[in-house]
Amino acid sequence: MKNIAVFFLIFMVSMSFLYLLLQAEIVEKGFVLSLKKERIESLVANKERVEIEISHLSSMERIKEIATNKLGMVLPERTIFLAAADRKVQLMGSEAAVAEYRNETGLIR
């Protein structure tokens, strides 16, 4: 009977120790989890800030202002578009050659 009581006492002490060990592990994992959540929130906020900065830096108004004011570029007086075709076009320095080639190939402007 005494052996059973000693065994039961040892069993209860070991189960209590195991319980405390597992509780400590749960608390540690909860702390690590909260640190990870804070890190994720920080990274998401940083990502949003960078996206806003990219949007600002790539705005067409800003690019136009830098091109004209800082780089000395000017807007073109007019724009001519050429259609790509299978054969090469030899331009003669005038729009007539381009229009003539378009009519010949059936492409419309």
C-alpha atoms as a PDB file:
ATOM      1  CA  MET A   1       0.000   0.000   0.000  1.00  0.00           C
ATOM      2  CA  LYS A   2       2.892   2.302   0.809  1.00  0.00           C
ATOM      3  CA  ASN A   3       4.426   1.593  -2.618  1.00  0.00           C
ATOM      4  CA  ILE A   4       1.207   2.587  -4.357  1.00  0.00           C
ATOM      5  CA  ALA A   5       1.049   5.861  -2.412  1.00  0.00           C
ATOM      6  CA  VAL A   6       4.688   6.673  -3.271  1.00  0.00           C
ATOM      7  CA  PHE A   7       4.092   5.765  -6.909  1.00  0.00           C
ATOM      8  CA  PHE A   8       0.938   7.936  -6.983  1.00  0.00           C
ATOM      9  CA  LEU A   9       2.822  10.845  -5.377  1.00  0.00           C
ATOM     10  CA  ILE A  10       5.682  10.575  -7.891  1.00  0.00           C
ATOM     11  CA  PHE A  11       3.167  10.319 -10.711  1.00  0.00           C
ATOM     12  CA  MET A  12       1.295  13.436  -9.537  1.00  0.00           C
ATOM     13  CA  VAL A  13       4.539  15.419  -9.126  1.00  0.00           C
ATOM     14  CA  SER A  14       5.736  14.414 -12.598  1.00  0.00           C
ATOM     15  CA  MET A  15       2.334  15.289 -14.138  1.00  0.00           C
ATOM     16  CA  SER A  16       2.410  18.678 -12.374  1.00  0.00           C
ATOM     17  CA  PHE A  17       5.918  19.280 -13.658  1.00  0.00           C
ATOM     18  CA  LEU A  18       4.851  18.287 -17.173  1.00  0.00           C
ATOM     19  CA  TYR A  19       1.825  20.603 -16.949  1.00  0.00           C
ATOM     20  CA  LEU A  20       3.997  23.553 -15.867  1.00  0.00           C
ATOM     21  CA  LEU A  21       6.489  22.783 -18.614  1.00  0.00           C
ATOM     22  CA  LEU A  22       3.733  22.771 -21.235  1.00  0.00           C
ATOM     23  CA  GLN A  23       2.237  25.994 -19.850  1.00  0.00           C
ATOM     24  CA  ALA A  24       5.648  27.681 -20.072  1.00  0.00           C
ATOM     25  CA  GLU A  25       5.949  26.453 -23.669  1.00  0.00           C
ATOM     26  CA  ILE A  26       2.492  27.881 -24.499  1.00  0.00           C
ATOM     27  CA  VAL A  27       3.397  31.249 -22.981  1.00  0.00           C
ATOM     28  CA  GLU A  28       6.676  31.323 -24.931  1.00  0.00           C
ATOM     29  CA  LYS A  29       4.934  30.465 -28.210  1.00  0.00           C
ATOM     30  CA  GLY A  30       2.323  33.169 -27.538  1.00  0.00           C
ATOM     31  CA  PHE A  31       5.088  35.723 -27.018  1.00  0.00           C
ATOM     32  CA  VAL A  32       6.841  34.675 -30.230  1.00  0.00           C
ATOM     33  CA  LEU A  33       3.501  34.841 -32.052  1.00  0.00           C
ATOM     34  CA  SER A  34       2.846  38.385 -30.843  1.00  0.00           C
ATOM     35  CA  LEU A  35       6.336  39.428 -31.989  1.00  0.00           C
ATOM     36  CA  LYS A  36       5.658  37.927 -35.421  1.00  0.00           C
ATOM     37  CA  LYS A  37       2.313  39.742 -35.649  1.00  0.00           C
ATOM     38  CA  GLU A  38       3.992  43.057 -34.822  1.00  0.00           C
ATOM     39  CA  ARG A  39       6.631  42.367 -37.476  1.00  0.00           C
ATOM     40  CA  ILE A  40       3.934  41.593 -40.063  1.00  0.00           C
ATOM     41  CA  GLU A  41       2.049  44.797 -39.218  1.00  0.00           C
ATOM     42  CA  SER A  42       5.277  46.768 -39.525  1.00  0.00           C
ATOM     43  CA  LEU A  43       6.069  45.207 -42.911  1.00  0.00           C
ATOM     44  CA  VAL A  44       2.532  45.836 -44.215  1.00  0.00           C
ATOM     45  CA  ALA A  45       2.730  49.497 -43.148  1.00  0.00           C
ATOM     46  CA  ASN A  46       6.150  49.799 -44.804  1.00  0.00           C
ATOM     47  CA  LYS A  47       4.817  48.180 -47.997  1.00  0.00           C
ATOM     48  CA  GLU A  48       1.914  50.633 -48.134  1.00  0.00           C
ATOM     49  CA  ARG A  49       4.294  53.563 -47.590  1.00  0.00           C
ATOM     50  CA  VAL A  50       6.565  52.346 -50.401  1.00  0.00           C
ATOM     51  CA  GLU A  51       3.594  51.866 -52.757  1.00  0.00           C
ATOM     52  CA  ILE A  52       2.456  55.436 -52.074  1.00  0.00           C
ATOM     53  CA  GLU A  53       5.992  56.698 -52.701  1.00  0.00           C
ATOM     54  CA  ILE A  54       6.206  54.729 -55.963  1.00  0.00           C
ATOM     55  CA  SER A  55       2.863  56.162 -57.049  1.00  0.00           C
ATOM     56  CA  HIS A  56       4.064  59.677 -56.309  1.00  0.00           C
ATOM     57  CA  LEU A  57       7.433  59.224 -58.019  1.00  0.00           C
ATOM     58  CA  SER A  58       5.931  57.682 -61.160  1.00  0.00           C
ATOM     59  CA  SER A  59       3.173  60.258 -61.652  1.00  0.00           C
ATOM     60  CA  MET A  60       3.152  61.690 -65.159  1.00  0.00           C
ATOM     61  CA  GLU A  61       2.990  65.285 -63.901  1.00  0.00           C
ATOM     62  CA  ARG A  62       6.169  64.809 -61.874  1.00  0.00           C
ATOM     63  CA  ILE A  63       7.979  63.098 -64.756  1.00  0.00           C
ATOM     64  CA  LYS A  64       6.918  65.867 -67.174  1.00  0.00           C
ATOM     65  CA  GLU A  65       8.068  68.551 -64.719  1.00  0.00           C
ATOM     66  CA  ILE A  66      11.493  66.931 -64.254  1.00  0.00           C
ATOM     67  CA  ALA A  67      11.895  66.351 -67.995  1.00  0.00           C
ATOM     68  CA  THR A  68      11.067  69.932 -68.929  1.00  0.00           C
ATOM     69  CA  ASN A  69      12.561  71.858 -65.996  1.00  0.00           C
ATOM     70  CA  LYS A  70      15.604  69.830 -64.964  1.00  0.00           C
ATOM     71  CA  LEU A  71      16.538  68.021 -68.175  1.00  0.00           C
ATOM     72  CA  GLY A  72      15.600  70.749 -70.630  1.00  0.00           C
ATOM     73  CA  MET A  73      13.364  68.516 -72.753  1.00  0.00           C
ATOM     74  CA  VAL A  74      10.526  69.995 -74.806  1.00  0.00           C
ATOM     75  CA  LEU A  75       7.228  68.534 -75.944  1.00  0.00           C
ATOM     76  CA  PRO A  76       7.173  67.522 -79.624  1.00  0.00           C
ATOM     77  CA  GLU A  77       5.290  69.736 -82.043  1.00  0.00           C
ATOM     78  CA  ARG A  78       3.593  66.721 -83.607  1.00  0.00           C
ATOM     79  CA  THR A  79       3.712  62.937 -83.456  1.00  0.00           C
ATOM     80  CA  ILE A  80       3.863  60.535 -86.391  1.00  0.00           C
ATOM     81  CA  PHE A  81       2.980  56.871 -85.843  1.00  0.00           C
ATOM     82  CA  LEU A  82       4.272  54.100 -88.105  1.00  0.00           C
ATOM     83  CA  ALA A  83       2.658  50.693 -88.413  1.00  0.00           C
ATOM     84  CA  ALA A  84       4.955  47.685 -88.177  1.00  0.00           C
ATOM     85  CA  ALA A  85       4.852  45.356 -91.162  1.00  0.00           C
ATOM     86  CA  ASP A  86       6.627  42.240 -92.361  1.00  0.00           C
ATOM     87  CA  ARG A  87       8.812  44.096 -94.829  1.00  0.00           C
ATOM     88  CA  LYS A  88      11.049  47.052 -94.154  1.00  0.00           C
ATOM     89  CA  VAL A  89      10.076  50.597 -95.113  1.00  0.00           C
ATOM     90  CA  GLN A  90      12.674  52.947 -96.447  1.00  0.00           C
ATOM     91  CA  LEU A  91      11.654  56.454 -95.498  1.00  0.00           C
ATOM     92  CA  MET A  92      12.446  59.199 -97.921  1.00  0.00           C
ATOM     93  CA  GLY A  93      12.247  61.909 -95.316  1.00  0.00           C
ATOM     94  CA  SER A  94       8.631  62.856 -95.892  1.00  0.00           C
ATOM     95  CA  GLU A  95       5.218  61.820 -94.702  1.00  0.00           C
ATOM     96  CA  ALA A  96       4.188  61.135 -98.279  1.00  0.00           C
ATOM     97  CA  ALA A  97       6.421  58.063 -98.389  1.00  0.00           C
ATOM     98  CA  VAL A  98       4.783  56.716 -95.237  1.00  0.00           C
ATOM     99  CA  ALA A  99       1.269  57.408 -96.530  1.00  0.00           C
ATOM    100  CA  GLU A 100       2.173  55.808 -99.870  1.00  0.00           C
ATOM    101  CA  TYR A 101       3.441  52.669 -98.129  1.00  0.00           C
ATOM    102  CA  ARG A 102       0.282  52.474 -95.984  1.00  0.00           C
ATOM    103  CA  ASN A 103      -1.941  52.612 -99.016  1.00  0.00           C
ATOM    104  CA  GLU A 104       0.145  49.970-100.717  1.00  0.00           C
ATOM    105  CA  THR A 105      -0.097  47.527 -97.778  1.00  0.00           C
ATOM    106  CA  GLY A 106      -3.731  48.239 -96.984  1.00  0.00           C
ATOM    107  CA  LEU A 107      -3.069  49.515 -93.498  1.00  0.00           C
ATOM    108  CA  ILE A 108      -5.205  52.367 -92.285  1.00  0.00           C
ATOM    109  CA  ARG A 109      -4.132  55.127 -90.007  1.00  0.00           C
END
